[in-house]
Amino acid sequence: MFTDKPNAPQPAYADIHPTPFEILDKRAKGLFNGTAKLERLYVGCRWAEGPAWFAGGRYLLWSDIPNNRIMRWDETDGSTSVFRQPSNNTNGHTVDRQGRLVSCEHLGRRVTRTEHDGSITVLADRWKGKRLNSPNDVVVKSDGSIWFTDPAYGIDWDYEGERAESEIGACNVYRIDPASGEVTLVIDDMVRPNGLAFSVDETKLYVADTGASHKENGPRHIRVYDVAGKGGTKAKGGKLFAECTAGMFDGFRLDEEGRIWTSAADGVHLYHPDGTLIAKVHVPEVVANVCFGGRHRSRLFICGTTSLYSLFTLVRGAKTY
């Protein structure tokens, strides 16, 4: 069985569960390697979140939010270390087109960028003069614009930030203009917007709503918006894409064929672009977020509550993430 000692060598999950994936639709056949194991790479987090892969250095960064730190896992030697502590209770991360880390800070109530020299630039901390709630997840579009969700989890309690009243009074999705730095509202009809990702061609924006955490019978789904407006600066529509069948969706990423790999209470759920649940990756902990990495972007990294896992797949993650 697994050991709870941080950074101790861990047996692969497949050693106790020889089939870590479950095929629910024939369209998922050929996406998984039958001999690949779900590997636990690290254990010792309180709530693992926000994985981001840095191809140039062959390493992964992710958040351990309650422990107020960013962790670093090195593919070259399998080691894990603390990248930054304190981290302002960072949550979601992504990598911009220049290879810089873009982070959502719960405690700082802002979106920041770590420059190549290690200095930190504040990209957004207010909208219309009011402080943001607690930015949660973030993606970068090919035009350099940064889109992020701003629920209130970091100010609801002290566990992942610091309890405070919302100055905005709502939980929205915003866009940071790459030229002016202006923060504009793009989605205002969600209870608790959470994970988000663009379609491969960037004509659609997928956003998870985890409003069930605060509202009885509240949303636990992903909605899909049309990216509209001059230069693709707005989000329109917002029809239901998928309803979570186990817990709530949180963070997710797409593969290069447009399939969505999303977190859930029982592991990772895989959705066809038409909204059909076609497969699951079983994980022994609640999953918060995922990303693709490795040499061919075919290694799925999974943040599962206390642990970082990975699974080699037969597909590649979309290049845009």
Protein backbone atom coordinates (compact mmCIF):
# COMPACT_ATOMS: atom_id res chain seq x y z
CA MET A 1 0.00 0.00 0.00
CA PHE A 2 1.01 3.65 -0.28
CA THR A 3 3.20 5.22 2.37
CA ASP A 4 2.25 8.59 3.82
CA LYS A 5 5.85 9.67 4.31
CA PRO A 6 6.47 12.73 2.08
CA ASN A 7 8.76 12.16 -0.90
CA ALA A 8 9.27 8.48 -0.08
CA PRO A 9 9.40 6.10 -3.07
CA GLN A 10 5.83 5.17 -3.94
CA PRO A 11 4.55 2.03 -5.63
CA ALA A 12 2.51 2.67 -8.76
CA TYR A 13 -1.24 2.65 -8.28
CA ALA A 14 -1.45 -0.02 -10.98
CA ASP A 15 0.33 -2.40 -8.58
CA ILE A 16 -2.89 -2.53 -6.55
CA HIS A 17 -5.29 -1.62 -9.38
CA PRO A 18 -3.99 -3.16 -12.62
CA THR A 19 -6.48 -1.25 -14.80
CA PRO A 20 -6.32 2.45 -13.84
CA PHE A 21 -8.59 3.46 -16.73
CA GLU A 22 -12.16 2.52 -17.60
CA ILE A 23 -13.44 2.65 -21.19
CA LEU A 24 -17.07 3.83 -21.39
CA ASP A 25 -17.33 4.50 -25.12
CA LYS A 26 -15.59 2.88 -28.07
CA ARG A 27 -14.21 6.27 -29.09
CA ALA A 28 -11.87 6.06 -26.11
CA LYS A 29 -10.21 2.89 -27.37
CA GLY A 30 -6.64 3.49 -28.44
CA LEU A 31 -6.15 6.44 -26.10
CA PHE A 32 -4.63 4.43 -23.25
CA ASN A 33 -1.64 2.13 -22.96
CA GLY A 34 -2.79 -1.07 -21.26
CA THR A 35 0.59 -1.53 -19.56
CA ALA A 36 0.96 2.05 -18.30
CA LYS A 37 0.71 2.55 -14.56
CA LEU A 38 -0.76 5.38 -12.58
CA GLU A 39 2.33 6.51 -10.67
CA ARG A 40 2.38 8.48 -7.46
CA LEU A 41 5.28 10.90 -7.83
CA TYR A 42 4.92 12.76 -4.53
CA VAL A 43 2.76 12.73 -1.39
CA GLY A 44 2.67 15.33 1.37
CA CYS A 45 0.34 18.11 0.21
CA ARG A 46 -2.80 19.36 1.91
CA TRP A 47 -4.56 20.35 -1.33
CA ALA A 48 -2.59 19.91 -4.56
CA GLU A 49 -3.67 22.15 -7.44
CA GLY A 50 -2.66 24.05 -10.56
CA PRO A 51 -0.06 21.89 -12.38
CA ALA A 52 1.97 23.62 -15.11
CA TRP A 53 4.60 21.96 -17.30
CA PHE A 54 7.85 23.70 -18.30
CA ALA A 55 9.13 21.82 -21.34
CA GLY A 56 12.47 23.63 -21.56
CA GLY A 57 13.49 22.55 -18.08
CA ARG A 58 11.56 19.26 -18.01
CA TYR A 59 9.89 20.08 -14.73
CA LEU A 60 6.39 20.56 -13.32
CA LEU A 61 5.23 23.23 -10.90
CA TRP A 62 2.05 22.89 -8.85
CA SER A 63 0.40 24.51 -5.83
CA ASP A 64 0.00 23.14 -2.33
CA ILE A 65 -2.51 25.84 -1.42
CA PRO A 66 -3.06 25.44 2.37
CA ASN A 67 0.67 24.93 2.93
CA ASN A 68 1.28 28.23 1.10
CA ARG A 69 3.88 26.87 -1.29
CA ILE A 70 4.60 26.01 -4.92
CA MET A 71 6.16 22.61 -5.48
CA ARG A 72 8.57 21.52 -8.23
CA TRP A 73 8.93 17.99 -9.63
CA ASP A 74 11.96 17.30 -11.87
CA GLU A 75 11.52 14.74 -14.64
CA THR A 76 15.27 14.32 -15.10
CA ASP A 77 15.83 12.73 -11.69
CA GLY A 78 12.37 12.32 -10.14
CA SER A 79 13.13 14.71 -7.29
CA THR A 80 10.63 17.04 -5.63
CA SER A 81 11.49 20.35 -4.00
CA VAL A 82 9.84 23.55 -2.84
CA PHE A 83 9.91 26.14 -5.62
CA ARG A 84 8.49 29.04 -3.59
CA GLN A 85 7.31 29.48 -0.01
CA PRO A 86 5.41 31.52 0.96
CA SER A 87 3.49 31.69 -2.30
CA ASN A 88 0.50 33.86 -1.34
CA ASN A 89 -1.59 30.68 -1.43
CA THR A 90 -1.29 30.30 -5.18
CA ASN A 91 -3.87 28.11 -6.90
CA GLY A 92 -3.93 27.80 -10.70
CA HIS A 93 -0.88 28.28 -12.91
CA THR A 94 -0.11 28.36 -16.58
CA VAL A 95 2.86 29.11 -18.81
CA ASP A 96 2.76 32.05 -21.21
CA ARG A 97 4.18 32.16 -24.74
CA GLN A 98 7.53 33.38 -23.43
CA GLY A 99 7.88 30.48 -20.99
CA ARG A 100 7.00 32.51 -17.89
CA LEU A 101 4.90 31.31 -14.97
CA VAL A 102 1.50 32.98 -14.64
CA SER A 103 -0.17 32.38 -11.26
CA CYS A 104 -3.44 32.99 -9.44
CA GLU A 105 -2.92 34.06 -5.83
CA HIS A 106 -5.66 33.56 -3.25
CA LEU A 107 -3.96 35.51 -0.45
CA GLY A 108 -2.68 38.26 -2.73
CA ARG A 109 -6.05 38.37 -4.53
CA ARG A 110 -4.22 38.89 -7.79
CA VAL A 111 -2.79 37.37 -10.97
CA THR A 112 0.98 37.55 -11.23
CA ARG A 113 3.77 36.62 -13.62
CA THR A 114 7.17 35.33 -12.56
CA GLU A 115 9.79 36.84 -14.85
CA HIS A 116 12.84 34.96 -16.08
CA ASP A 117 14.98 36.72 -13.48
CA GLY A 118 12.65 35.59 -10.67
CA SER A 119 10.98 38.94 -10.08
CA ILE A 120 7.18 39.05 -9.85
CA THR A 121 4.96 41.32 -11.93
CA VAL A 122 1.37 42.00 -10.88
CA LEU A 123 -0.89 41.60 -13.91
CA ALA A 124 -4.26 42.15 -12.26
CA ASP A 125 -5.49 42.81 -8.74
CA ARG A 126 -8.56 44.98 -9.32
CA TRP A 127 -11.54 45.43 -11.59
CA LYS A 128 -13.10 48.88 -11.80
CA GLY A 129 -11.12 49.90 -8.73
CA LYS A 130 -12.37 47.03 -6.57
CA ARG A 131 -10.14 44.23 -5.32
CA LEU A 132 -10.55 40.85 -6.96
CA ASN A 133 -11.94 38.02 -4.83
CA SER A 134 -9.32 35.28 -5.15
CA PRO A 135 -8.22 34.39 -8.70
CA ASN A 136 -8.44 30.64 -9.16
CA ASP A 137 -7.42 29.35 -12.59
CA VAL A 138 -5.84 30.95 -15.64
CA VAL A 139 -5.10 30.36 -19.34
CA VAL A 140 -3.20 32.32 -21.97
CA LYS A 141 -4.64 32.78 -25.47
CA SER A 142 -2.40 32.83 -28.55
CA ASP A 143 -2.76 36.62 -28.80
CA GLY A 144 -1.14 36.95 -25.38
CA SER A 145 -4.33 37.82 -23.53
CA ILE A 146 -4.79 36.20 -20.13
CA TRP A 147 -8.19 34.85 -19.05
CA PHE A 148 -8.87 33.92 -15.44
CA THR A 149 -11.67 32.91 -13.09
CA ASP A 150 -12.33 34.76 -9.84
CA PRO A 151 -14.53 32.81 -7.40
CA ALA A 152 -14.36 33.59 -3.68
CA TYR A 153 -12.78 30.43 -2.24
CA GLY A 154 -9.70 32.28 -1.01
CA ILE A 155 -11.77 34.82 0.92
CA ASP A 156 -14.55 32.49 2.06
CA TRP A 157 -12.28 30.87 4.67
CA ASP A 158 -8.78 31.21 6.09
CA TYR A 159 -7.73 27.73 4.94
CA GLU A 160 -6.64 28.74 1.43
CA GLY A 161 -6.22 32.47 1.91
CA GLU A 162 -7.75 34.99 4.30
CA ARG A 163 -11.43 35.50 5.01
CA ALA A 164 -12.78 38.83 3.77
CA GLU A 165 -15.82 40.43 2.21
CA SER A 166 -16.03 40.52 -1.58
CA GLU A 167 -15.63 44.06 -2.86
CA ILE A 168 -17.05 43.12 -6.25
CA GLY A 169 -19.98 41.17 -4.82
CA ALA A 170 -19.91 38.54 -7.57
CA CYS A 171 -17.74 35.76 -8.99
CA ASN A 172 -16.76 36.37 -12.60
CA VAL A 173 -14.37 35.53 -15.42
CA TYR A 174 -12.02 38.25 -16.67
CA ARG A 175 -9.61 38.99 -19.51
CA ILE A 176 -6.32 40.89 -19.27
CA ASP A 177 -5.46 42.75 -22.46
CA PRO A 178 -1.90 41.96 -23.61
CA ALA A 179 -1.20 45.52 -24.80
CA SER A 180 -2.88 47.78 -22.27
CA GLY A 181 -3.16 45.44 -19.27
CA GLU A 182 -6.82 46.43 -18.93
CA VAL A 183 -8.97 43.95 -17.02
CA THR A 184 -12.38 43.40 -18.62
CA LEU A 185 -15.35 41.29 -17.56
CA VAL A 186 -16.14 38.43 -19.96
CA ILE A 187 -18.53 36.14 -18.02
CA ASP A 188 -20.84 37.20 -15.18
CA ASP A 189 -23.49 34.46 -15.04
CA MET A 190 -21.77 31.81 -12.90
CA VAL A 191 -22.00 30.95 -9.20
CA ARG A 192 -18.38 29.85 -8.70
CA PRO A 193 -16.37 29.88 -11.96
CA ASN A 194 -13.39 27.56 -11.58
CA GLY A 195 -11.29 25.74 -14.19
CA LEU A 196 -11.18 27.03 -17.76
CA ALA A 197 -9.60 26.19 -21.11
CA PHE A 198 -9.85 27.19 -24.77
CA SER A 199 -10.73 24.78 -27.54
CA VAL A 200 -7.82 23.85 -29.78
CA ASP A 201 -8.81 26.46 -32.39
CA GLU A 202 -9.66 29.00 -29.65
CA THR A 203 -13.18 29.55 -30.97
CA LYS A 204 -14.69 28.23 -27.73
CA LEU A 205 -14.03 28.72 -24.05
CA TYR A 206 -14.90 25.98 -21.56
CA VAL A 207 -15.49 27.02 -17.94
CA ALA A 208 -16.36 24.86 -14.93
CA ASP A 209 -18.86 26.12 -12.34
CA THR A 210 -18.48 24.58 -8.87
CA GLY A 211 -21.37 26.53 -7.37
CA ALA A 212 -22.67 23.38 -5.66
CA SER A 213 -20.03 24.04 -3.01
CA HIS A 214 -22.05 27.05 -1.83
CA LYS A 215 -25.56 26.63 -3.20
CA GLU A 216 -27.96 23.74 -2.62
CA ASN A 217 -28.46 21.93 -5.91
CA GLY A 218 -26.03 24.42 -7.39
CA PRO A 219 -24.03 23.90 -10.59
CA ARG A 220 -21.44 21.16 -10.89
CA HIS A 221 -20.88 21.36 -14.61
CA ILE A 222 -18.78 22.70 -17.49
CA ARG A 223 -20.29 25.26 -19.84
CA VAL A 224 -19.00 26.20 -23.28
CA TYR A 225 -18.95 29.75 -24.61
CA ASP A 226 -18.32 31.09 -28.10
CA VAL A 227 -15.26 33.32 -28.28
CA ALA A 228 -16.63 36.37 -30.06
CA GLY A 229 -16.03 40.07 -30.66
CA LYS A 230 -13.31 41.80 -32.63
CA GLY A 231 -10.09 39.88 -32.05
CA GLY A 232 -11.88 37.25 -29.95
CA THR A 233 -12.11 39.33 -26.78
CA LYS A 234 -15.56 38.31 -25.56
CA ALA A 235 -17.41 35.14 -24.48
CA LYS A 236 -20.99 34.59 -25.63
CA GLY A 237 -23.60 31.91 -25.00
CA GLY A 238 -22.65 29.51 -22.27
CA LYS A 239 -24.56 26.33 -23.02
CA LEU A 240 -24.17 23.25 -20.86
CA PHE A 241 -21.34 20.98 -22.01
CA ALA A 242 -21.26 18.28 -19.31
CA GLU A 243 -22.65 17.60 -15.84
CA CYS A 244 -20.28 16.00 -13.33
CA THR A 245 -21.30 12.50 -12.24
CA ALA A 246 -18.89 12.34 -9.28
CA GLY A 247 -18.40 15.36 -7.09
CA MET A 248 -17.59 18.51 -9.05
CA PHE A 249 -15.38 19.39 -11.99
CA ASP A 250 -12.47 21.64 -11.07
CA GLY A 251 -9.49 22.07 -13.41
CA PHE A 252 -9.13 20.50 -16.85
CA ARG A 253 -7.13 20.48 -20.06
CA LEU A 254 -7.68 19.43 -23.68
CA ASP A 255 -5.74 17.01 -25.84
CA GLU A 256 -4.83 17.87 -29.43
CA GLU A 257 -8.05 16.26 -30.73
CA GLY A 258 -10.20 18.49 -28.55
CA ARG A 259 -11.14 15.93 -25.90
CA ILE A 260 -11.47 17.29 -22.35
CA TRP A 261 -9.59 15.62 -19.49
CA THR A 262 -11.16 16.95 -16.32
CA SER A 263 -10.83 16.44 -12.58
CA ALA A 264 -13.61 14.77 -10.57
CA ALA A 265 -14.14 13.17 -7.17
CA ASP A 266 -13.22 9.68 -8.39
CA GLY A 267 -10.34 10.57 -10.70
CA VAL A 268 -10.11 12.04 -14.19
CA HIS A 269 -13.09 12.05 -16.55
CA LEU A 270 -12.54 12.11 -20.29
CA TYR A 271 -15.11 13.80 -22.53
CA HIS A 272 -15.52 13.68 -26.29
CA PRO A 273 -15.96 17.14 -27.88
CA ASP A 274 -19.66 16.35 -28.25
CA GLY A 275 -20.03 16.19 -24.46
CA THR A 276 -20.10 12.39 -24.04
CA LEU A 277 -18.24 10.87 -21.10
CA ILE A 278 -16.08 8.25 -22.84
CA ALA A 279 -13.57 7.11 -20.19
CA LYS A 280 -12.31 7.53 -16.65
CA VAL A 281 -8.89 7.34 -15.02
CA HIS A 282 -9.38 5.99 -11.51
CA VAL A 283 -7.37 7.81 -8.84
CA PRO A 284 -7.49 6.96 -5.09
CA GLU A 285 -7.99 10.62 -4.10
CA VAL A 286 -10.22 13.50 -5.14
CA VAL A 287 -8.61 15.16 -8.16
CA ALA A 288 -8.38 18.96 -8.40
CA ASN A 289 -6.54 19.58 -11.66
CA VAL A 290 -4.50 18.06 -14.49
CA CYS A 291 -2.12 19.02 -17.28
CA PHE A 292 -0.16 17.31 -20.03
CA GLY A 293 3.62 17.29 -20.07
CA GLY A 294 6.66 15.15 -20.74
CA ARG A 295 8.76 15.02 -23.89
CA HIS A 296 5.78 14.40 -26.20
CA ARG A 297 3.09 16.10 -24.06
CA SER A 298 1.64 12.62 -23.61
CA ARG A 299 2.15 12.31 -19.87
CA LEU A 300 -0.91 13.32 -17.88
CA PHE A 301 -0.02 14.92 -14.55
CA ILE A 302 -2.75 14.73 -11.92
CA CYS A 303 -3.09 16.73 -8.70
CA GLY A 304 -5.00 14.50 -6.28
CA THR A 305 -5.53 16.13 -2.87
CA THR A 306 -2.34 15.06 -1.06
CA SER A 307 -0.41 13.74 -4.04
CA LEU A 308 0.98 14.28 -7.52
CA TYR A 309 0.32 11.42 -9.95
CA SER A 310 1.10 10.77 -13.59
CA LEU A 311 -0.09 8.45 -16.34
CA PHE A 312 1.45 7.99 -19.76
CA THR A 313 -1.26 8.13 -22.44
CA LEU A 314 -1.35 7.48 -26.17
CA VAL A 315 -2.48 11.03 -26.95
CA ARG A 316 -0.79 14.40 -26.79
CA GLY A 317 -1.99 17.47 -24.96
CA ALA A 318 -3.04 20.46 -27.02
CA LYS A 319 -0.14 22.74 -27.90
CA THR A 320 -2.01 25.80 -26.71
CA TYR A 321 -1.68 24.90 -23.00
